[in-house]
Amino acid sequence: MVNVRIAGTEVYHPPFKVSNEQLAEQAGEAADKLIGIWEYFGRKDRYYATTYEESTLNMAIQASKALLESSGLGGEDLDMIVVSSGTHEYSAPTDAALLHQAIGGKQSCIVYDSNANCVGMVVAADQAARSMMTNPGVRYALVVGSEQIARFYKEGDLASKGLCGDAACAVLLERVEEGESGLIDSAYYTNTQKAEDMLFPSAGMTQMFGEHLTLEEKKIYLHPEYNVNVAFPTAVTNIENLLHKHGYAKREVKHYILSQLNLSVIKEIAGKLNEDEAKFPYIGDIYGYTGTSSPFVTLHHAIKDGTLIPGDLFFMWSVGAGITSCATLWRL
């Protein structure tokens, strides 16, 4: 049976590391309050790009080169390249085209960008895998998630900036003719009733160069009551539905790899699933929240640390502004 498996992962992050205490120095008397907020969300450290040259595109290129090297492949071996981000460096050409150029991709390669915000890489991997299953001409696909959210929050919103970190993750997908490893299924939830509660650019692309707005007014807009909590209960529902649909028991699941946005929510989901929190790996204390790449950075560490090995069943779940969430069930 044809399937698409995860054949390799690599992560790249900028070298500049910032702790809660270092970042809170900018807050004066509010430092302790901010540290409390960050700790509640599970933050300790994060990495930040410090130059304009260290863009999401640059991070994607670095992660991709590392993956090709560790996989023993070259750019000419790739049949598809997808770059996922909510903070793409370019709209034209695509970041995927510039990544293709940087790694020496072949002319017959499919290249495109994907943007479903923070759930984007989960969605991109799901959609790329499904496309590969029906196209025997695509053996290897490179899916890269790269994000720099903190750059685009308003200068006064240190609380939000501190939740985020910068990192890219590159994933190699391989079409296989036989074997049990690969994508099993996915489930989505979308609720757009308050889609306008988070906007970037805040006034839209048509007004990006308007002089009637300040630079700060063009950065990320968050409604005072913005949250994605409406999607969290659906993580439990979608996971349980996928297990039931395919005849698996929870005891067979090795890991639930979720959005690293909020550690308290991960623990809450673990409780509602009646599962051991040890099955929910967390790296948000190391990287901060890295948006689209967040679940796959976590996956990379689970594989690297040996807590997830070939044959293991695992979930990936995340949520993006809009609001859209996606759960995918894989076997490594």
C-alpha atoms as a PDB file:
ATOM      1  CA  MET A   1       0.000   0.000   0.000  1.00  0.00           C
ATOM      2  CA  VAL A   2       1.393   3.394  -1.020  1.00  0.00           C
ATOM      3  CA  ASN A   3       2.052   5.804   1.834  1.00  0.00           C
ATOM      4  CA  VAL A   4       4.234   8.786   2.724  1.00  0.00           C
ATOM      5  CA  ARG A   5       6.550   8.570   5.705  1.00  0.00           C
ATOM      6  CA  ILE A   6       8.629  11.053   7.646  1.00  0.00           C
ATOM      7  CA  ALA A   7      12.170  10.169   6.595  1.00  0.00           C
ATOM      8  CA  GLY A   8      14.122  12.860   8.443  1.00  0.00           C
ATOM      9  CA  THR A   9      13.998  16.132  10.375  1.00  0.00           C
ATOM     10  CA  GLU A  10      16.411  18.934  11.211  1.00  0.00           C
ATOM     11  CA  VAL A  11      16.069  22.167  13.174  1.00  0.00           C
ATOM     12  CA  TYR A  12      17.790  25.524  12.862  1.00  0.00           C
ATOM     13  CA  HIS A  13      17.578  28.440  15.288  1.00  0.00           C
ATOM     14  CA  PRO A  14      19.534  31.702  15.596  1.00  0.00           C
ATOM     15  CA  PRO A  15      22.458  31.610  18.071  1.00  0.00           C
ATOM     16  CA  PHE A  16      21.188  34.454  20.297  1.00  0.00           C
ATOM     17  CA  LYS A  17      19.548  32.951  23.388  1.00  0.00           C
ATOM     18  CA  VAL A  18      17.464  35.028  25.827  1.00  0.00           C
ATOM     19  CA  SER A  19      16.147  33.933  29.218  1.00  0.00           C
ATOM     20  CA  ASN A  20      12.990  35.212  30.916  1.00  0.00           C
ATOM     21  CA  GLU A  21      15.085  37.260  33.321  1.00  0.00           C
ATOM     22  CA  GLN A  22      17.174  38.841  30.577  1.00  0.00           C
ATOM     23  CA  LEU A  23      14.112  39.757  28.524  1.00  0.00           C
ATOM     24  CA  ALA A  24      12.243  41.122  31.550  1.00  0.00           C
ATOM     25  CA  GLU A  25      14.997  43.654  32.202  1.00  0.00           C
ATOM     26  CA  GLN A  26      13.240  45.845  29.631  1.00  0.00           C
ATOM     27  CA  ALA A  27      10.047  45.878  31.721  1.00  0.00           C
ATOM     28  CA  GLY A  28      11.268  47.697  34.832  1.00  0.00           C
ATOM     29  CA  GLU A  29       8.831  47.299  37.712  1.00  0.00           C
ATOM     30  CA  ALA A  30       6.621  44.981  35.653  1.00  0.00           C
ATOM     31  CA  ALA A  31       9.416  42.399  35.286  1.00  0.00           C
ATOM     32  CA  ASP A  32       8.133  39.956  37.899  1.00  0.00           C
ATOM     33  CA  LYS A  33       4.609  40.056  36.447  1.00  0.00           C
ATOM     34  CA  LEU A  34       5.876  39.304  32.937  1.00  0.00           C
ATOM     35  CA  ILE A  35       8.075  36.470  34.145  1.00  0.00           C
ATOM     36  CA  GLY A  36       5.016  35.019  35.892  1.00  0.00           C
ATOM     37  CA  ILE A  37       3.030  35.159  32.637  1.00  0.00           C
ATOM     38  CA  TRP A  38       5.823  33.538  30.650  1.00  0.00           C
ATOM     39  CA  GLU A  39       6.324  30.807  33.233  1.00  0.00           C
ATOM     40  CA  TYR A  40       2.584  30.070  33.231  1.00  0.00           C
ATOM     41  CA  PHE A  41       2.825  29.471  29.484  1.00  0.00           C
ATOM     42  CA  GLY A  42       5.889  27.288  30.050  1.00  0.00           C
ATOM     43  CA  ARG A  43       8.620  29.665  28.925  1.00  0.00           C
ATOM     44  CA  LYS A  44      12.194  29.790  30.162  1.00  0.00           C
ATOM     45  CA  ASP A  45      14.443  30.555  27.181  1.00  0.00           C
ATOM     46  CA  ARG A  46      14.042  31.381  23.513  1.00  0.00           C
ATOM     47  CA  TYR A  47      16.197  32.222  20.477  1.00  0.00           C
ATOM     48  CA  TYR A  48      15.917  35.475  18.557  1.00  0.00           C
ATOM     49  CA  ALA A  49      17.275  36.644  15.230  1.00  0.00           C
ATOM     50  CA  THR A  50      19.299  39.823  15.778  1.00  0.00           C
ATOM     51  CA  THR A  51      19.891  40.949  12.188  1.00  0.00           C
ATOM     52  CA  TYR A  52      17.726  41.506   9.147  1.00  0.00           C
ATOM     53  CA  GLU A  53      19.817  38.937   7.271  1.00  0.00           C
ATOM     54  CA  GLU A  54      18.585  36.255   9.707  1.00  0.00           C
ATOM     55  CA  SER A  55      15.146  36.041   8.108  1.00  0.00           C
ATOM     56  CA  THR A  56      12.594  33.237   8.060  1.00  0.00           C
ATOM     57  CA  LEU A  57      13.888  32.392   4.584  1.00  0.00           C
ATOM     58  CA  ASN A  58      17.483  32.220   5.804  1.00  0.00           C
ATOM     59  CA  MET A  59      16.450  29.938   8.681  1.00  0.00           C
ATOM     60  CA  ALA A  60      14.523  27.703   6.269  1.00  0.00           C
ATOM     61  CA  ILE A  61      17.584  27.419   4.031  1.00  0.00           C
ATOM     62  CA  GLN A  62      19.854  26.512   6.951  1.00  0.00           C
ATOM     63  CA  ALA A  63      17.462  23.839   8.252  1.00  0.00           C
ATOM     64  CA  SER A  64      17.025  22.414   4.735  1.00  0.00           C
ATOM     65  CA  LYS A  65      20.756  22.198   4.048  1.00  0.00           C
ATOM     66  CA  ALA A  66      21.264  20.392   7.357  1.00  0.00           C
ATOM     67  CA  LEU A  67      18.487  17.921   6.497  1.00  0.00           C
ATOM     68  CA  LEU A  68      19.856  17.191   3.045  1.00  0.00           C
ATOM     69  CA  GLU A  69      23.284  16.548   4.529  1.00  0.00           C
ATOM     70  CA  SER A  70      21.985  14.247   7.264  1.00  0.00           C
ATOM     71  CA  SER A  71      19.776  12.397   4.750  1.00  0.00           C
ATOM     72  CA  GLY A  72      22.536  11.938   2.177  1.00  0.00           C
ATOM     73  CA  LEU A  73      20.494  13.723  -0.491  1.00  0.00           C
ATOM     74  CA  GLY A  74      21.017  16.734  -2.720  1.00  0.00           C
ATOM     75  CA  GLY A  75      18.650  19.440  -3.874  1.00  0.00           C
ATOM     76  CA  GLU A  76      18.334  17.624  -7.194  1.00  0.00           C
ATOM     77  CA  ASP A  77      16.716  14.658  -5.407  1.00  0.00           C
ATOM     78  CA  LEU A  78      13.697  16.670  -4.271  1.00  0.00           C
ATOM     79  CA  ASP A  79      10.481  16.509  -6.261  1.00  0.00           C
ATOM     80  CA  MET A  80       8.527  18.992  -4.133  1.00  0.00           C
ATOM     81  CA  ILE A  81       9.425  21.908  -1.844  1.00  0.00           C
ATOM     82  CA  VAL A  82       6.851  23.549   0.428  1.00  0.00           C
ATOM     83  CA  VAL A  83       7.654  26.432   2.776  1.00  0.00           C
ATOM     84  CA  SER A  84       5.149  27.097   5.557  1.00  0.00           C
ATOM     85  CA  SER A  85       5.097  30.354   7.516  1.00  0.00           C
ATOM     86  CA  GLY A  86       2.865  33.103   8.794  1.00  0.00           C
ATOM     87  CA  THR A  87       5.804  35.486   8.417  1.00  0.00           C
ATOM     88  CA  HIS A  88       7.104  34.685   4.938  1.00  0.00           C
ATOM     89  CA  GLU A  89      10.005  36.823   3.815  1.00  0.00           C
ATOM     90  CA  TYR A  90       8.589  37.290   0.308  1.00  0.00           C
ATOM     91  CA  SER A  91       5.253  37.096  -1.439  1.00  0.00           C
ATOM     92  CA  ALA A  92       6.911  37.130  -4.863  1.00  0.00           C
ATOM     93  CA  PRO A  93       8.779  35.075  -5.690  1.00  0.00           C
ATOM     94  CA  THR A  94       7.814  32.403  -3.205  1.00  0.00           C
ATOM     95  CA  ASP A  95      10.205  31.562  -0.408  1.00  0.00           C
ATOM     96  CA  ALA A  96      10.061  28.016  -1.773  1.00  0.00           C
ATOM     97  CA  ALA A  97      11.491  29.238  -5.093  1.00  0.00           C
ATOM     98  CA  LEU A  98      14.363  30.998  -3.337  1.00  0.00           C
ATOM     99  CA  LEU A  99      14.974  27.934  -1.178  1.00  0.00           C
ATOM    100  CA  HIS A 100      14.999  25.816  -4.346  1.00  0.00           C
ATOM    101  CA  GLN A 101      17.658  28.147  -5.746  1.00  0.00           C
ATOM    102  CA  ALA A 102      19.751  27.988  -2.568  1.00  0.00           C
ATOM    103  CA  ILE A 103      19.922  24.185  -2.478  1.00  0.00           C
ATOM    104  CA  GLY A 104      20.287  23.597  -6.214  1.00  0.00           C
ATOM    105  CA  GLY A 105      16.892  22.071  -6.904  1.00  0.00           C
ATOM    106  CA  LYS A 106      15.993  20.503 -10.240  1.00  0.00           C
ATOM    107  CA  GLN A 107      13.745  22.070 -12.874  1.00  0.00           C
ATOM    108  CA  SER A 108      10.974  19.480 -12.547  1.00  0.00           C
ATOM    109  CA  CYS A 109      10.497  20.250  -8.845  1.00  0.00           C
ATOM    110  CA  ILE A 110       7.114  21.453  -7.533  1.00  0.00           C
ATOM    111  CA  VAL A 111       7.587  24.580  -5.396  1.00  0.00           C
ATOM    112  CA  TYR A 112       5.055  26.618  -3.446  1.00  0.00           C
ATOM    113  CA  ASP A 113       4.495  28.473  -0.179  1.00  0.00           C
ATOM    114  CA  SER A 114       1.824  27.560   2.348  1.00  0.00           C
ATOM    115  CA  ASN A 115       0.288  29.749   5.040  1.00  0.00           C
ATOM    116  CA  ALA A 116      -2.210  28.463   7.570  1.00  0.00           C
ATOM    117  CA  ASN A 117      -0.488  30.479  10.318  1.00  0.00           C
ATOM    118  CA  CYS A 118       0.565  28.501  13.374  1.00  0.00           C
ATOM    119  CA  VAL A 119      -1.100  25.262  12.266  1.00  0.00           C
ATOM    120  CA  GLY A 120       0.539  25.679   8.883  1.00  0.00           C
ATOM    121  CA  MET A 121       3.248  23.039   8.970  1.00  0.00           C
ATOM    122  CA  VAL A 122       0.873  20.362  10.261  1.00  0.00           C
ATOM    123  CA  VAL A 123      -1.461  21.234   7.388  1.00  0.00           C
ATOM    124  CA  ALA A 124       1.371  21.481   4.834  1.00  0.00           C
ATOM    125  CA  ALA A 125       2.733  18.042   5.721  1.00  0.00           C
ATOM    126  CA  ASP A 126      -0.760  16.528   5.591  1.00  0.00           C
ATOM    127  CA  GLN A 127      -1.579  18.067   2.219  1.00  0.00           C
ATOM    128  CA  ALA A 128       1.833  17.331   0.701  1.00  0.00           C
ATOM    129  CA  ALA A 129       1.631  13.698   1.827  1.00  0.00           C
ATOM    130  CA  ARG A 130      -1.840  13.270   0.340  1.00  0.00           C
ATOM    131  CA  SER A 131      -0.667  14.764  -2.943  1.00  0.00           C
ATOM    132  CA  MET A 132       2.357  12.457  -3.015  1.00  0.00           C
ATOM    133  CA  MET A 133       0.183   9.372  -2.502  1.00  0.00           C
ATOM    134  CA  THR A 134      -1.558  10.024  -5.821  1.00  0.00           C
ATOM    135  CA  ASN A 135       1.541  11.126  -7.738  1.00  0.00           C
ATOM    136  CA  PRO A 136       4.197   8.429  -8.301  1.00  0.00           C
ATOM    137  CA  GLY A 137       6.455  11.092  -9.791  1.00  0.00           C
ATOM    138  CA  VAL A 138       7.035  12.643  -6.371  1.00  0.00           C
ATOM    139  CA  ARG A 139       9.282  10.463  -4.225  1.00  0.00           C
ATOM    140  CA  TYR A 140      10.842  13.085  -1.955  1.00  0.00           C
ATOM    141  CA  ALA A 141       9.232  16.257  -0.641  1.00  0.00           C
ATOM    142  CA  LEU A 142      10.826  18.878   1.571  1.00  0.00           C
ATOM    143  CA  VAL A 143       8.390  20.619   3.916  1.00  0.00           C
ATOM    144  CA  VAL A 144       9.897  23.485   5.891  1.00  0.00           C
ATOM    145  CA  GLY A 145       8.293  25.601   8.603  1.00  0.00           C
ATOM    146  CA  SER A 146      10.006  28.832   9.608  1.00  0.00           C
ATOM    147  CA  GLU A 147       8.710  31.576  11.853  1.00  0.00           C
ATOM    148  CA  GLN A 148       9.665  34.872  13.480  1.00  0.00           C
ATOM    149  CA  ILE A 149       6.559  36.164  15.225  1.00  0.00           C
ATOM    150  CA  ALA A 150       8.219  38.296  17.916  1.00  0.00           C
ATOM    151  CA  ARG A 151       9.599  40.733  15.306  1.00  0.00           C
ATOM    152  CA  PHE A 152       6.091  41.824  14.363  1.00  0.00           C
ATOM    153  CA  TYR A 153       4.420  42.449  17.714  1.00  0.00           C
ATOM    154  CA  LYS A 154       4.081  46.067  18.768  1.00  0.00           C
ATOM    155  CA  GLU A 155       7.080  47.370  20.701  1.00  0.00           C
ATOM    156  CA  GLY A 156       5.027  47.797  23.879  1.00  0.00           C
ATOM    157  CA  ASP A 157       3.700  44.233  23.792  1.00  0.00           C
ATOM    158  CA  LEU A 158       6.604  42.598  25.579  1.00  0.00           C
ATOM    159  CA  ALA A 159       4.282  39.967  27.061  1.00  0.00           C
ATOM    160  CA  SER A 160       3.493  38.556  23.598  1.00  0.00           C
ATOM    161  CA  LYS A 161       7.052  38.955  22.338  1.00  0.00           C
ATOM    162  CA  GLY A 162       8.329  36.953  25.266  1.00  0.00           C
ATOM    163  CA  LEU A 163       6.101  34.004  24.463  1.00  0.00           C
ATOM    164  CA  CYS A 164       7.699  33.596  21.057  1.00  0.00           C
ATOM    165  CA  GLY A 165      11.004  32.410  19.688  1.00  0.00           C
ATOM    166  CA  ASP A 166      12.552  32.023  16.228  1.00  0.00           C
ATOM    167  CA  ALA A 167      13.206  28.612  14.694  1.00  0.00           C
ATOM    168  CA  ALA A 168      12.838  26.592  11.508  1.00  0.00           C
ATOM    169  CA  CYS A 169      12.269  22.867  11.047  1.00  0.00           C
ATOM    170  CA  ALA A 170      12.804  20.944   7.832  1.00  0.00           C
ATOM    171  CA  VAL A 171      11.058  17.608   7.265  1.00  0.00           C
ATOM    172  CA  LEU A 172      11.763  15.081   4.531  1.00  0.00           C
ATOM    173  CA  LEU A 173       8.729  13.151   3.308  1.00  0.00           C
ATOM    174  CA  GLU A 174       9.277   9.972   1.286  1.00  0.00           C
ATOM    175  CA  ARG A 175       6.746   8.116  -0.842  1.00  0.00           C
ATOM    176  CA  VAL A 176       6.956   4.399  -0.105  1.00  0.00           C
ATOM    177  CA  GLU A 177       5.254   1.595  -2.008  1.00  0.00           C
ATOM    178  CA  GLU A 178       4.976  -0.758   0.950  1.00  0.00           C
ATOM    179  CA  GLY A 179       5.170  -0.636   4.739  1.00  0.00           C
ATOM    180  CA  GLU A 180       3.074   0.556   7.643  1.00  0.00           C
ATOM    181  CA  SER A 181       4.939   3.809   8.343  1.00  0.00           C
ATOM    182  CA  GLY A 182       3.480   7.108   7.237  1.00  0.00           C
ATOM    183  CA  LEU A 183       0.429   9.324   7.376  1.00  0.00           C
ATOM    184  CA  ILE A 184      -2.710   7.557   8.557  1.00  0.00           C
ATOM    185  CA  ASP A 185      -5.321  10.318   8.577  1.00  0.00           C
ATOM    186  CA  SER A 186      -6.181  13.864   9.614  1.00  0.00           C
ATOM    187  CA  ALA A 187      -9.088  15.806  11.090  1.00  0.00           C
ATOM    188  CA  TYR A 188      -9.772  19.542  10.932  1.00  0.00           C
ATOM    189  CA  TYR A 189     -11.789  22.093  12.894  1.00  0.00           C
ATOM    190  CA  THR A 190     -12.456  25.637  11.654  1.00  0.00           C
ATOM    191  CA  ASN A 191     -14.400  28.397  13.394  1.00  0.00           C
ATOM    192  CA  THR A 192     -14.154  31.817  11.713  1.00  0.00           C
ATOM    193  CA  GLN A 193     -16.731  33.708  13.791  1.00  0.00           C
ATOM    194  CA  LYS A 194     -13.986  35.970  15.181  1.00  0.00           C
ATOM    195  CA  ALA A 195     -11.402  35.611  12.440  1.00  0.00           C
ATOM    196  CA  GLU A 196     -10.643  39.348  12.572  1.00  0.00           C
ATOM    197  CA  ASP A 197      -9.502  39.206  16.227  1.00  0.00           C
ATOM    198  CA  MET A 198      -5.893  38.772  15.063  1.00  0.00           C
ATOM    199  CA  LEU A 199      -4.697  40.648  11.985  1.00  0.00           C
ATOM    200  CA  PHE A 200      -1.292  40.995  10.343  1.00  0.00           C
ATOM    201  CA  PRO A 201      -0.598  43.391   8.791  1.00  0.00           C
ATOM    202  CA  SER A 202      -3.146  45.029  11.062  1.00  0.00           C
ATOM    203  CA  ALA A 203      -4.600  47.198   8.284  1.00  0.00           C
ATOM    204  CA  GLY A 204      -4.040  44.727   5.454  1.00  0.00           C
ATOM    205  CA  MET A 205      -1.480  44.628   2.650  1.00  0.00           C
ATOM    206  CA  THR A 206      -3.209  47.412   0.702  1.00  0.00           C
ATOM    207  CA  GLN A 207      -2.332  49.895   3.444  1.00  0.00           C
ATOM    208  CA  MET A 208       1.180  48.699   4.226  1.00  0.00           C
ATOM    209  CA  PHE A 209       2.716  51.762   2.599  1.00  0.00           C
ATOM    210  CA  GLY A 210       0.056  54.269   3.627  1.00  0.00           C
ATOM    211  CA  GLU A 211       1.528  57.269   5.433  1.00  0.00           C
ATOM    212  CA  HIS A 212      -1.668  57.746   7.451  1.00  0.00           C
ATOM    213  CA  LEU A 213      -0.630  54.802   9.615  1.00  0.00           C
ATOM    214  CA  THR A 214       2.472  54.575  11.796  1.00  0.00           C
ATOM    215  CA  LEU A 215       4.774  51.580  11.654  1.00  0.00           C
ATOM    216  CA  GLU A 216       3.415  50.412  14.992  1.00  0.00           C
ATOM    217  CA  GLU A 217      -0.152  50.547  13.687  1.00  0.00           C
ATOM    218  CA  LYS A 218       0.825  48.172  10.883  1.00  0.00           C
ATOM    219  CA  LYS A 219       2.164  45.460  13.190  1.00  0.00           C
ATOM    220  CA  ILE A 220       0.157  42.560  14.641  1.00  0.00           C
ATOM    221  CA  TYR A 221      -3.286  43.543  15.901  1.00  0.00           C
ATOM    222  CA  LEU A 222      -4.710  41.501  18.758  1.00  0.00           C
ATOM    223  CA  HIS A 223      -8.211  42.019  20.060  1.00  0.00           C
ATOM    224  CA  PRO A 224      -8.064  42.523  23.862  1.00  0.00           C
ATOM    225  CA  GLU A 225      -9.975  39.269  24.314  1.00  0.00           C
ATOM    226  CA  TYR A 226      -8.181  37.330  21.584  1.00  0.00           C
ATOM    227  CA  ASN A 227      -7.645  33.640  22.262  1.00  0.00           C
ATOM    228  CA  VAL A 228      -7.788  30.332  20.465  1.00  0.00           C
ATOM    229  CA  ASN A 229      -9.351  28.458  23.380  1.00  0.00           C
ATOM    230  CA  VAL A 230     -12.388  27.508  21.297  1.00  0.00           C
ATOM    231  CA  ALA A 231     -10.177  25.085  19.377  1.00  0.00           C
ATOM    232  CA  PHE A 232      -8.602  23.290  22.333  1.00  0.00           C
ATOM    233  CA  PRO A 233     -11.558  20.979  23.150  1.00  0.00           C
ATOM    234  CA  THR A 234     -11.571  19.910  19.504  1.00  0.00           C
ATOM    235  CA  ALA A 235      -8.056  18.523  19.908  1.00  0.00           C
ATOM    236  CA  VAL A 236      -9.464  15.899  22.244  1.00  0.00           C
ATOM    237  CA  THR A 237     -12.479  15.249  19.999  1.00  0.00           C
ATOM    238  CA  ASN A 238     -10.440  14.932  16.807  1.00  0.00           C
ATOM    239  CA  ILE A 239      -7.848  12.688  18.420  1.00  0.00           C
ATOM    240  CA  GLU A 240     -10.474  10.372  19.881  1.00  0.00           C
ATOM    241  CA  ASN A 241     -12.420  10.292  16.603  1.00  0.00           C
ATOM    242  CA  LEU A 242      -9.327   9.371  14.600  1.00  0.00           C
ATOM    243  CA  LEU A 243      -8.455   6.596  17.042  1.00  0.00           C
ATOM    244  CA  HIS A 244     -11.981   5.203  16.845  1.00  0.00           C
ATOM    245  CA  LYS A 245     -12.102   5.509  13.044  1.00  0.00           C
ATOM    246  CA  HIS A 246      -8.911   3.498  12.584  1.00  0.00           C
ATOM    247  CA  GLY A 247      -9.375   1.053  15.432  1.00  0.00           C
ATOM    248  CA  TYR A 248      -6.516   2.137  17.684  1.00  0.00           C
ATOM    249  CA  ALA A 249      -6.496   2.361  21.478  1.00  0.00           C
ATOM    250  CA  LYS A 250      -4.873   5.220  23.389  1.00  0.00           C
ATOM    251  CA  ARG A 251      -2.353   2.813  24.903  1.00  0.00           C
ATOM    252  CA  GLU A 252      -0.959   2.303  21.386  1.00  0.00           C
ATOM    253  CA  VAL A 253      -0.111   6.015  21.002  1.00  0.00           C
ATOM    254  CA  LYS A 254       3.496   6.781  21.948  1.00  0.00           C
ATOM    255  CA  HIS A 255       3.329  10.574  21.759  1.00  0.00           C
ATOM    256  CA  TYR A 256       0.827  13.394  21.401  1.00  0.00           C
ATOM    257  CA  ILE A 257       2.853  16.214  19.867  1.00  0.00           C
ATOM    258  CA  LEU A 258       0.859  19.404  20.298  1.00  0.00           C
ATOM    259  CA  SER A 259       1.254  23.112  19.713  1.00  0.00           C
ATOM    260  CA  GLN A 260       3.823  24.441  22.167  1.00  0.00           C
ATOM    261  CA  LEU A 261       1.888  27.674  22.726  1.00  0.00           C
ATOM    262  CA  ASN A 262       0.673  26.945  26.243  1.00  0.00           C
ATOM    263  CA  LEU A 263       2.012  24.262  28.582  1.00  0.00           C
ATOM    264  CA  SER A 264      -1.050  24.503  30.834  1.00  0.00           C
ATOM    265  CA  VAL A 265      -3.293  23.668  27.850  1.00  0.00           C
ATOM    266  CA  ILE A 266      -1.125  20.672  26.957  1.00  0.00           C
ATOM    267  CA  LYS A 267      -1.583  19.405  30.517  1.00  0.00           C
ATOM    268  CA  GLU A 268      -5.327  20.064  30.307  1.00  0.00           C
ATOM    269  CA  ILE A 269      -5.610  18.087  27.074  1.00  0.00           C
ATOM    270  CA  ALA A 270      -3.606  15.258  28.626  1.00  0.00           C
ATOM    271  CA  GLY A 271      -6.073  15.205  31.522  1.00  0.00           C
ATOM    272  CA  LYS A 272      -9.122  15.153  29.254  1.00  0.00           C
ATOM    273  CA  LEU A 273      -7.618  12.270  27.290  1.00  0.00           C
ATOM    274  CA  ASN A 274      -6.803  10.551  30.589  1.00  0.00           C
ATOM    275  CA  GLU A 275      -3.237  10.108  29.394  1.00  0.00           C
ATOM    276  CA  ASP A 276       0.157  10.388  31.119  1.00  0.00           C
ATOM    277  CA  GLU A 277       1.714  13.838  30.631  1.00  0.00           C
ATOM    278  CA  ALA A 278       4.968  12.058  29.754  1.00  0.00           C
ATOM    279  CA  LYS A 279       3.351  11.208  26.404  1.00  0.00           C
ATOM    280  CA  PHE A 280       3.130  14.952  25.613  1.00  0.00           C
ATOM    281  CA  PRO A 281       6.683  16.162  24.857  1.00  0.00           C
ATOM    282  CA  TYR A 282       7.388  19.840  25.494  1.00  0.00           C
ATOM    283  CA  ILE A 283      10.249  22.005  24.216  1.00  0.00           C
ATOM    284  CA  GLY A 284       8.636  25.455  24.594  1.00  0.00           C
ATOM    285  CA  ASP A 285      10.897  26.144  27.570  1.00  0.00           C
ATOM    286  CA  ILE A 286      13.920  25.854  25.249  1.00  0.00           C
ATOM    287  CA  TYR A 287      12.678  27.515  22.054  1.00  0.00           C
ATOM    288  CA  GLY A 288       9.706  29.619  23.113  1.00  0.00           C
ATOM    289  CA  TYR A 289       6.702  29.391  20.806  1.00  0.00           C
ATOM    290  CA  THR A 290       7.904  29.016  17.220  1.00  0.00           C
ATOM    291  CA  GLY A 291       4.563  29.197  15.442  1.00  0.00           C
ATOM    292  CA  THR A 292       4.231  26.991  12.374  1.00  0.00           C
ATOM    293  CA  SER A 293       7.385  24.977  13.141  1.00  0.00           C
ATOM    294  CA  SER A 294       6.411  24.414  16.790  1.00  0.00           C
ATOM    295  CA  PRO A 295       5.057  20.813  16.624  1.00  0.00           C
ATOM    296  CA  PHE A 296       7.768  19.657  14.230  1.00  0.00           C
ATOM    297  CA  VAL A 297      10.595  21.081  16.322  1.00  0.00           C
ATOM    298  CA  THR A 298       9.090  18.976  19.119  1.00  0.00           C
ATOM    299  CA  LEU A 299       8.927  15.945  16.817  1.00  0.00           C
ATOM    300  CA  HIS A 300      12.582  16.426  15.878  1.00  0.00           C
ATOM    301  CA  HIS A 301      13.638  16.317  19.517  1.00  0.00           C
ATOM    302  CA  ALA A 302      11.463  13.278  20.264  1.00  0.00           C
ATOM    303  CA  ILE A 303      13.187  11.394  17.441  1.00  0.00           C
ATOM    304  CA  LYS A 304      16.631  12.695  18.381  1.00  0.00           C
ATOM    305  CA  ASP A 305      16.151  11.793  22.055  1.00  0.00           C
ATOM    306  CA  GLY A 306      14.851   8.333  21.178  1.00  0.00           C
ATOM    307  CA  THR A 307      11.466   8.712  22.837  1.00  0.00           C
ATOM    308  CA  LEU A 308       9.880   8.163  19.423  1.00  0.00           C
ATOM    309  CA  ILE A 309      11.265   5.323  17.312  1.00  0.00           C
ATOM    310  CA  PRO A 310      10.325   3.691  13.988  1.00  0.00           C
ATOM    311  CA  GLY A 311       6.999   1.903  14.265  1.00  0.00           C
ATOM    312  CA  ASP A 312       5.612   4.214  16.941  1.00  0.00           C
ATOM    313  CA  LEU A 313       2.143   5.702  16.551  1.00  0.00           C
ATOM    314  CA  PHE A 314       1.874   9.445  17.253  1.00  0.00           C
ATOM    315  CA  PHE A 315      -0.375  12.457  16.839  1.00  0.00           C
ATOM    316  CA  MET A 316       0.437  16.004  15.795  1.00  0.00           C
ATOM    317  CA  TRP A 317      -1.987  18.828  16.558  1.00  0.00           C
ATOM    318  CA  SER A 318      -1.865  22.590  16.318  1.00  0.00           C
ATOM    319  CA  VAL A 319      -4.075  25.635  15.902  1.00  0.00           C
ATOM    320  CA  GLY A 320      -3.754  28.820  13.876  1.00  0.00           C
ATOM    321  CA  ALA A 321      -5.381  32.235  13.786  1.00  0.00           C
ATOM    322  CA  GLY A 322      -8.658  32.284  12.014  1.00  0.00           C
ATOM    323  CA  ILE A 323      -9.347  29.880  13.784  1.00  0.00           C
ATOM    324  CA  THR A 324      -8.280  26.546  12.225  1.00  0.00           C
ATOM    325  CA  SER A 325      -6.885  23.461  13.946  1.00  0.00           C
ATOM    326  CA  CYS A 326      -5.679  20.153  12.571  1.00  0.00           C
ATOM    327  CA  ALA A 327      -4.859  16.768  14.076  1.00  0.00           C
ATOM    328  CA  THR A 328      -2.793  14.273  12.082  1.00  0.00           C
ATOM    329  CA  LEU A 329      -2.131  10.636  12.962  1.00  0.00           C
ATOM    330  CA  TRP A 330       1.193   9.150  11.824  1.00  0.00           C
ATOM    331  CA  ARG A 331       3.298   6.039  12.281  1.00  0.00           C
ATOM    332  CA  LEU A 332       6.994   6.787  12.309  1.00  0.00           C
END
